[in-house]
PDB file of N, CA and C in Angstrom:
ATOM      1  N   MET A   1      -9.156  -3.275  33.308  1.00  0.00           N
ATOM      2  CA  MET A   1      -9.912  -3.032  32.092  1.00  0.00           C
ATOM      3  C   MET A   1      -9.776  -4.242  31.176  1.00  0.00           C
ATOM      4  N   THR A   2     -10.872  -4.844  30.848  1.00  0.00           N
ATOM      5  CA  THR A   2     -10.877  -6.004  29.953  1.00  0.00           C
ATOM      6  C   THR A   2     -11.444  -5.599  28.599  1.00  0.00           C
ATOM      7  N   ILE A   3     -10.855  -6.175  27.580  1.00  0.00           N
ATOM      8  CA  ILE A   3     -11.324  -5.916  26.220  1.00  0.00           C
ATOM      9  C   ILE A   3     -12.111  -7.128  25.756  1.00  0.00           C
ATOM     10  N   ASN A   4     -13.340  -6.894  25.421  1.00  0.00           N
ATOM     11  CA  ASN A   4     -14.181  -7.969  24.912  1.00  0.00           C
ATOM     12  C   ASN A   4     -14.033  -7.998  23.391  1.00  0.00           C
ATOM     13  N   LEU A   5     -13.415  -9.084  22.886  1.00  0.00           N
ATOM     14  CA  LEU A   5     -13.144  -9.175  21.451  1.00  0.00           C
ATOM     15  C   LEU A   5     -14.406  -9.311  20.623  1.00  0.00           C
ATOM     16  N   LYS A   6     -15.496  -9.718  21.248  1.00  0.00           N
ATOM     17  CA  LYS A   6     -16.741  -9.856  20.505  1.00  0.00           C
ATOM     18  C   LYS A   6     -17.351  -8.499  20.170  1.00  0.00           C
ATOM     19  N   GLU A   7     -16.904  -7.444  20.862  1.00  0.00           N
ATOM     20  CA  GLU A   7     -17.439  -6.110  20.595  1.00  0.00           C
ATOM     21  C   GLU A   7     -16.913  -5.521  19.295  1.00  0.00           C
ATOM     22  N   PHE A   8     -15.755  -6.007  18.817  1.00  0.00           N
ATOM     23  CA  PHE A   8     -15.185  -5.493  17.587  1.00  0.00           C
ATOM     24  C   PHE A   8     -15.966  -6.005  16.386  1.00  0.00           C
ATOM     25  N   ASN A   9     -16.153  -5.143  15.411  1.00  0.00           N
ATOM     26  CA  ASN A   9     -16.780  -5.546  14.160  1.00  0.00           C
ATOM     27  C   ASN A   9     -15.659  -5.995  13.224  1.00  0.00           C
ATOM     28  N   TRP A  10     -15.346  -7.299  13.262  1.00  0.00           N
ATOM     29  CA  TRP A  10     -14.196  -7.811  12.528  1.00  0.00           C
ATOM     30  C   TRP A  10     -14.369  -7.684  11.029  1.00  0.00           C
ATOM     31  N   GLU A  11     -15.568  -7.787  10.531  1.00  0.00           N
ATOM     32  CA  GLU A  11     -15.783  -7.627   9.090  1.00  0.00           C
ATOM     33  C   GLU A  11     -15.464  -6.203   8.648  1.00  0.00           C
ATOM     34  N   GLN A  12     -15.855  -5.234   9.462  1.00  0.00           N
ATOM     35  CA  GLN A  12     -15.553  -3.839   9.141  1.00  0.00           C
ATOM     36  C   GLN A  12     -14.055  -3.573   9.232  1.00  0.00           C
ATOM     37  N   ILE A  13     -13.390  -4.149  10.228  1.00  0.00           N
ATOM     38  CA  ILE A  13     -11.943  -3.975  10.369  1.00  0.00           C
ATOM     39  C   ILE A  13     -11.226  -4.589   9.169  1.00  0.00           C
ATOM     40  N   LYS A  14     -11.652  -5.783   8.758  1.00  0.00           N
ATOM     41  CA  LYS A  14     -11.041  -6.444   7.602  1.00  0.00           C
ATOM     42  C   LYS A  14     -11.270  -5.627   6.339  1.00  0.00           C
ATOM     43  N   GLN A  15     -12.465  -5.104   6.155  1.00  0.00           N
ATOM     44  CA  GLN A  15     -12.763  -4.307   4.965  1.00  0.00           C
ATOM     45  C   GLN A  15     -11.950  -3.016   4.957  1.00  0.00           C
ATOM     46  N   THR A  16     -11.803  -2.368   6.105  1.00  0.00           N
ATOM     47  CA  THR A  16     -11.004  -1.149   6.196  1.00  0.00           C
ATOM     48  C   THR A  16      -9.550  -1.437   5.874  1.00  0.00           C
ATOM     49  N   PHE A  17      -9.020  -2.551   6.388  1.00  0.00           N
ATOM     50  CA  PHE A  17      -7.638  -2.922   6.099  1.00  0.00           C
ATOM     51  C   PHE A  17      -7.437  -3.112   4.608  1.00  0.00           C
ATOM     52  N   TRP A  18      -8.351  -3.852   3.954  1.00  0.00           N
ATOM     53  CA  TRP A  18      -8.190  -4.091   2.522  1.00  0.00           C
ATOM     54  C   TRP A  18      -8.355  -2.809   1.722  1.00  0.00           C
ATOM     55  N   ASP A  19      -9.234  -1.903   2.172  1.00  0.00           N
ATOM     56  CA  ASP A  19      -9.388  -0.625   1.478  1.00  0.00           C
ATOM     57  C   ASP A  19      -8.111   0.196   1.560  1.00  0.00           C
ATOM     58  N   LEU A  20      -7.408   0.107   2.696  1.00  0.00           N
ATOM     59  CA  LEU A  20      -6.153   0.842   2.836  1.00  0.00           C
ATOM     60  C   LEU A  20      -5.023   0.156   2.092  1.00  0.00           C
ATOM     61  N   PHE A  21      -5.000  -1.179   2.117  1.00  0.00           N
ATOM     62  CA  PHE A  21      -3.892  -1.911   1.524  1.00  0.00           C
ATOM     63  C   PHE A  21      -3.975  -1.943   0.004  1.00  0.00           C
ATOM     64  N   ILE A  22      -5.141  -2.187  -0.520  1.00  0.00           N
ATOM     65  CA  ILE A  22      -5.284  -2.364  -1.966  1.00  0.00           C
ATOM     66  C   ILE A  22      -5.526  -1.002  -2.604  1.00  0.00           C
ATOM     67  N   GLN A  23      -4.501  -0.493  -3.250  1.00  0.00           N
ATOM     68  CA  GLN A  23      -4.599   0.780  -3.942  1.00  0.00           C
ATOM     69  C   GLN A  23      -4.697   0.585  -5.454  1.00  0.00           C
ATOM     70  N   ILE A  24      -4.150  -0.508  -5.937  1.00  0.00           N
ATOM     71  CA  ILE A  24      -4.083  -0.767  -7.364  1.00  0.00           C
ATOM     72  C   ILE A  24      -5.017  -1.936  -7.678  1.00  0.00           C
ATOM     73  N   THR A  25      -5.961  -1.741  -8.576  1.00  0.00           N
ATOM     74  CA  THR A  25      -6.881  -2.833  -8.909  1.00  0.00           C
ATOM     75  C   THR A  25      -6.725  -3.332 -10.339  1.00  0.00           C
ATOM     76  N   THR A  26      -6.133  -2.534 -11.223  1.00  0.00           N
ATOM     77  CA  THR A  26      -5.899  -2.991 -12.599  1.00  0.00           C
ATOM     78  C   THR A  26      -4.525  -2.525 -13.059  1.00  0.00           C
ATOM     79  N   ILE A  27      -3.913  -3.326 -13.916  1.00  0.00           N
ATOM     80  CA  ILE A  27      -2.672  -2.928 -14.577  1.00  0.00           C
ATOM     81  C   ILE A  27      -3.043  -2.617 -16.021  1.00  0.00           C
ATOM     82  N   PRO A  28      -2.808  -1.387 -16.475  1.00  0.00           N
ATOM     83  CA  PRO A  28      -3.215  -1.010 -17.838  1.00  0.00           C
ATOM     84  C   PRO A  28      -2.473  -1.819 -18.900  1.00  0.00           C
ATOM     85  N   SER A  29      -3.066  -1.876 -20.091  1.00  0.00           N
ATOM     86  CA  SER A  29      -2.487  -2.689 -21.165  1.00  0.00           C
ATOM     87  C   SER A  29      -1.166  -2.116 -21.667  1.00  0.00           C
ATOM     88  N   HIS A  30      -0.972  -0.794 -21.599  1.00  0.00           N
ATOM     89  CA  HIS A  30       0.290  -0.231 -22.093  1.00  0.00           C
ATOM     90  C   HIS A  30       1.453  -0.548 -21.155  1.00  0.00           C
ATOM     91  N   ILE A  31       1.182  -0.987 -19.933  1.00  0.00           N
ATOM     92  CA  ILE A  31       2.231  -1.398 -19.003  1.00  0.00           C
ATOM     93  C   ILE A  31       2.441  -2.911 -19.075  1.00  0.00           C
ATOM     94  N   SER A  32       1.357  -3.648 -19.101  1.00  0.00           N
ATOM     95  CA  SER A  32       1.459  -5.109 -19.039  1.00  0.00           C
ATOM     96  C   SER A  32       1.751  -5.751 -20.391  1.00  0.00           C
ATOM     97  N   GLY A  33       1.680  -4.993 -21.446  1.00  0.00           N
ATOM     98  CA  GLY A  33       1.967  -5.566 -22.758  1.00  0.00           C
ATOM     99  C   GLY A  33       0.745  -5.617 -23.642  1.00  0.00           C
ATOM    100  N   ASP A  34       0.073  -6.760 -23.655  1.00  0.00           N
ATOM    101  CA  ASP A  34      -0.993  -6.926 -24.631  1.00  0.00           C
ATOM    102  C   ASP A  34      -2.390  -6.706 -24.082  1.00  0.00           C
ATOM    103  N   LYS A  35      -2.625  -6.982 -22.802  1.00  0.00           N
ATOM    104  CA  LYS A  35      -3.993  -6.852 -22.291  1.00  0.00           C
ATOM    105  C   LYS A  35      -3.982  -6.282 -20.877  1.00  0.00           C
ATOM    106  N   GLU A  36      -5.104  -5.661 -20.528  1.00  0.00           N
ATOM    107  CA  GLU A  36      -5.256  -5.123 -19.177  1.00  0.00           C
ATOM    108  C   GLU A  36      -5.460  -6.283 -18.201  1.00  0.00           C
ATOM    109  N   ILE A  37      -4.773  -6.226 -17.061  1.00  0.00           N
ATOM    110  CA  ILE A  37      -4.883  -7.294 -16.064  1.00  0.00           C
ATOM    111  C   ILE A  37      -5.779  -6.812 -14.933  1.00  0.00           C
ATOM    112  N   ASP A  38      -6.877  -7.516 -14.719  1.00  0.00           N
ATOM    113  CA  ASP A  38      -7.786  -7.204 -13.616  1.00  0.00           C
ATOM    114  C   ASP A  38      -7.258  -7.911 -12.368  1.00  0.00           C
ATOM    115  N   LEU A  39      -6.728  -7.122 -11.438  1.00  0.00           N
ATOM    116  CA  LEU A  39      -6.068  -7.702 -10.278  1.00  0.00           C
ATOM    117  C   LEU A  39      -7.033  -8.309  -9.272  1.00  0.00           C
ATOM    118  N   THR A  40      -8.315  -7.986  -9.377  1.00  0.00           N
ATOM    119  CA  THR A  40      -9.256  -8.612  -8.465  1.00  0.00           C
ATOM    120  C   THR A  40      -9.473 -10.078  -8.821  1.00  0.00           C
ATOM    121  N   GLN A  41      -9.162 -10.443 -10.068  1.00  0.00           N
ATOM    122  CA  GLN A  41      -9.266 -11.835 -10.494  1.00  0.00           C
ATOM    123  C   GLN A  41      -7.933 -12.569 -10.367  1.00  0.00           C
ATOM    124  N   GLU A  42      -6.845 -11.836 -10.432  1.00  0.00           N
ATOM    125  CA  GLU A  42      -5.497 -12.424 -10.368  1.00  0.00           C
ATOM    126  C   GLU A  42      -4.882 -12.072  -9.019  1.00  0.00           C
ATOM    127  N   THR A  43      -5.045 -12.930  -8.026  1.00  0.00           N
ATOM    128  CA  THR A  43      -4.627 -12.574  -6.666  1.00  0.00           C
ATOM    129  C   THR A  43      -3.117 -12.462  -6.512  1.00  0.00           C
ATOM    130  N   LEU A  44      -2.338 -13.261  -7.235  1.00  0.00           N
ATOM    131  CA  LEU A  44      -0.886 -13.149  -7.133  1.00  0.00           C
ATOM    132  C   LEU A  44      -0.402 -11.816  -7.694  1.00  0.00           C
ATOM    133  N   TRP A  45      -0.973 -11.416  -8.833  1.00  0.00           N
ATOM    134  CA  TRP A  45      -0.641 -10.105  -9.398  1.00  0.00           C
ATOM    135  C   TRP A  45      -1.052  -8.986  -8.446  1.00  0.00           C
ATOM    136  N   LEU A  46      -2.205  -9.159  -7.816  1.00  0.00           N
ATOM    137  CA  LEU A  46      -2.681  -8.155  -6.860  1.00  0.00           C
ATOM    138  C   LEU A  46      -1.699  -7.990  -5.720  1.00  0.00           C
ATOM    139  N   LEU A  47      -1.236  -9.097  -5.170  1.00  0.00           N
ATOM    140  CA  LEU A  47      -0.281  -9.041  -4.070  1.00  0.00           C
ATOM    141  C   LEU A  47       1.026  -8.402  -4.506  1.00  0.00           C
ATOM    142  N   MET A  48       1.554  -8.817  -5.648  1.00  0.00           N
ATOM    143  CA  MET A  48       2.836  -8.265  -6.112  1.00  0.00           C
ATOM    144  C   MET A  48       2.732  -6.774  -6.421  1.00  0.00           C
ATOM    145  N   ALA A  49       1.647  -6.354  -7.050  1.00  0.00           N
ATOM    146  CA  ALA A  49       1.482  -4.946  -7.404  1.00  0.00           C
ATOM    147  C   ALA A  49       1.369  -4.079  -6.161  1.00  0.00           C
ATOM    148  N   ASN A  50       0.667  -4.546  -5.153  1.00  0.00           N
ATOM    149  CA  ASN A  50       0.504  -3.743  -3.953  1.00  0.00           C
ATOM    150  C   ASN A  50       1.749  -3.739  -3.085  1.00  0.00           C
ATOM    151  N   ILE A  51       2.496  -4.839  -3.055  1.00  0.00           N
ATOM    152  CA  ILE A  51       3.784  -4.825  -2.352  1.00  0.00           C
ATOM    153  C   ILE A  51       4.717  -3.838  -3.023  1.00  0.00           C
ATOM    154  N   ALA A  52       4.755  -3.834  -4.352  1.00  0.00           N
ATOM    155  CA  ALA A  52       5.599  -2.880  -5.074  1.00  0.00           C
ATOM    156  C   ALA A  52       5.158  -1.447  -4.807  1.00  0.00           C
ATOM    157  N   PHE A  53       3.856  -1.206  -4.785  1.00  0.00           N
ATOM    158  CA  PHE A  53       3.337   0.141  -4.514  1.00  0.00           C
ATOM    159  C   PHE A  53       3.785   0.632  -3.137  1.00  0.00           C
ATOM    160  N   TRP A  54       3.588  -0.197  -2.101  1.00  0.00           N
ATOM    161  CA  TRP A  54       3.961   0.225  -0.750  1.00  0.00           C
ATOM    162  C   TRP A  54       5.467   0.306  -0.578  1.00  0.00           C
ATOM    163  N   PHE A  55       6.237  -0.546  -1.269  1.00  0.00           N
ATOM    164  CA  PHE A  55       7.690  -0.479  -1.207  1.00  0.00           C
ATOM    165  C   PHE A  55       8.185   0.841  -1.792  1.00  0.00           C
ATOM    166  N   LEU A  56       7.670   1.206  -2.948  1.00  0.00           N
ATOM    167  CA  LEU A  56       8.067   2.482  -3.558  1.00  0.00           C
ATOM    168  C   LEU A  56       7.609   3.675  -2.717  1.00  0.00           C
ATOM    169  N   THR A  57       6.437   3.573  -2.119  1.00  0.00           N
ATOM    170  CA  THR A  57       5.966   4.640  -1.233  1.00  0.00           C
ATOM    171  C   THR A  57       6.897   4.796  -0.035  1.00  0.00           C
ATOM    172  N   ALA A  58       7.317   3.676   0.552  1.00  0.00           N
ATOM    173  CA  ALA A  58       8.234   3.720   1.697  1.00  0.00           C
ATOM    174  C   ALA A  58       9.580   4.313   1.302  1.00  0.00           C
ATOM    175  N   ILE A  59      10.074   3.970   0.118  1.00  0.00           N
ATOM    176  CA  ILE A  59      11.349   4.542  -0.347  1.00  0.00           C
ATOM    177  C   ILE A  59      11.225   6.048  -0.544  1.00  0.00           C
ATOM    178  N   MET A  60      10.112   6.509  -1.106  1.00  0.00           N
ATOM    179  CA  MET A  60       9.926   7.950  -1.297  1.00  0.00           C
ATOM    180  C   MET A  60       9.849   8.679   0.042  1.00  0.00           C
ATOM    181  N   VAL A  61       9.135   8.113   0.998  1.00  0.00           N
ATOM    182  CA  VAL A  61       9.044   8.739   2.322  1.00  0.00           C
ATOM    183  C   VAL A  61      10.418   8.768   2.980  1.00  0.00           C
ATOM    184  N   TRP A  62      11.165   7.660   2.878  1.00  0.00           N
ATOM    185  CA  TRP A  62      12.515   7.610   3.446  1.00  0.00           C
ATOM    186  C   TRP A  62      13.408   8.671   2.804  1.00  0.00           C
ATOM    187  N   PHE A  63      13.338   8.825   1.483  1.00  0.00           N
ATOM    188  CA  PHE A  63      14.142   9.819   0.780  1.00  0.00           C
ATOM    189  C   PHE A  63      13.795  11.235   1.245  1.00  0.00           C
ATOM    190  N   ILE A  64      12.517  11.519   1.388  1.00  0.00           N
ATOM    191  CA  ILE A  64      12.094  12.848   1.845  1.00  0.00           C
ATOM    192  C   ILE A  64      12.579  13.105   3.268  1.00  0.00           C
ATOM    193  N   LEU A  65      12.464  12.098   4.133  1.00  0.00           N
ATOM    194  CA  LEU A  65      12.938  12.272   5.508  1.00  0.00           C
ATOM    195  C   LEU A  65      14.449  12.473   5.566  1.00  0.00           C
ATOM    196  N   MET A  66      15.206  11.748   4.751  1.00  0.00           N
ATOM    197  CA  MET A  66      16.661  11.927   4.728  1.00  0.00           C
ATOM    198  C   MET A  66      17.024  13.316   4.202  1.00  0.00           C
ATOM    199  N   LEU A  67      16.306  13.764   3.192  1.00  0.00           N
ATOM    200  CA  LEU A  67      16.550  15.105   2.656  1.00  0.00           C
ATOM    201  C   LEU A  67      16.246  16.167   3.700  1.00  0.00           C
ATOM    202  N   LEU A  68      15.150  15.990   4.419  1.00  0.00           N
ATOM    203  CA  LEU A  68      14.798  16.924   5.484  1.00  0.00           C
ATOM    204  C   LEU A  68      15.836  16.896   6.595  1.00  0.00           C
ATOM    205  N   TRP A  69      16.299  15.709   6.974  1.00  0.00           N
ATOM    206  CA  TRP A  69      17.302  15.583   8.041  1.00  0.00           C
ATOM    207  C   TRP A  69      18.614  16.259   7.646  1.00  0.00           C
ATOM    208  N   LYS A  70      19.042  16.049   6.397  1.00  0.00           N
ATOM    209  CA  LYS A  70      20.272  16.688   5.914  1.00  0.00           C
ATOM    210  C   LYS A  70      20.116  18.207   5.872  1.00  0.00           C
ATOM    211  N   THR A  71      18.968  18.676   5.455  1.00  0.00           N
ATOM    212  CA  THR A  71      18.739  20.118   5.388  1.00  0.00           C
ATOM    213  C   THR A  71      18.763  20.736   6.778  1.00  0.00           C
ATOM    214  N   ILE A  72      18.130  20.077   7.735  1.00  0.00           N
ATOM    215  CA  ILE A  72      18.114  20.593   9.103  1.00  0.00           C
ATOM    216  C   ILE A  72      19.514  20.581   9.688  1.00  0.00           C
ATOM    217  N   SER A  73      20.297  19.530   9.407  1.00  0.00           N
ATOM    218  CA  SER A  73      21.639  19.448   9.974  1.00  0.00           C
ATOM    219  C   SER A  73      22.574  20.513   9.393  1.00  0.00           C
ATOM    220  N   VAL A  74      22.316  20.988   8.171  1.00  0.00           N
ATOM    221  CA  VAL A  74      23.154  22.045   7.583  1.00  0.00           C
ATOM    222  C   VAL A  74      22.920  23.362   8.322  1.00  0.00           C
ATOM    223  N   PHE A  75      21.699  23.630   8.745  1.00  0.00           N
ATOM    224  CA  PHE A  75      21.378  24.907   9.368  1.00  0.00           C
ATOM    225  C   PHE A  75      21.571  24.924  10.878  1.00  0.00           C
ATOM    226  N   ARG A  76      22.085  23.869  11.458  1.00  0.00           N
ATOM    227  CA  ARG A  76      22.339  23.872  12.903  1.00  0.00           C
ATOM    228  C   ARG A  76      23.608  24.605  13.227  1.00  0.00           C
TER     229      ARG A  76
END
């Protein structure tokens, strides 16, 4: 079985990836201080905000899994 890479719609794959990765597009003014930051114009801020978002999401998932594991181990 051979995979023909030309059959993939790379633009659609790239757009889907960015839609999944980019969850935060603006930082409100009450968080950033004096003005709202449009992350679509500030690419470094966009990268940092989304890394922080996914890092916190991963920590929350890890915490829930550890809590579930501890709960299951108590009832064994």
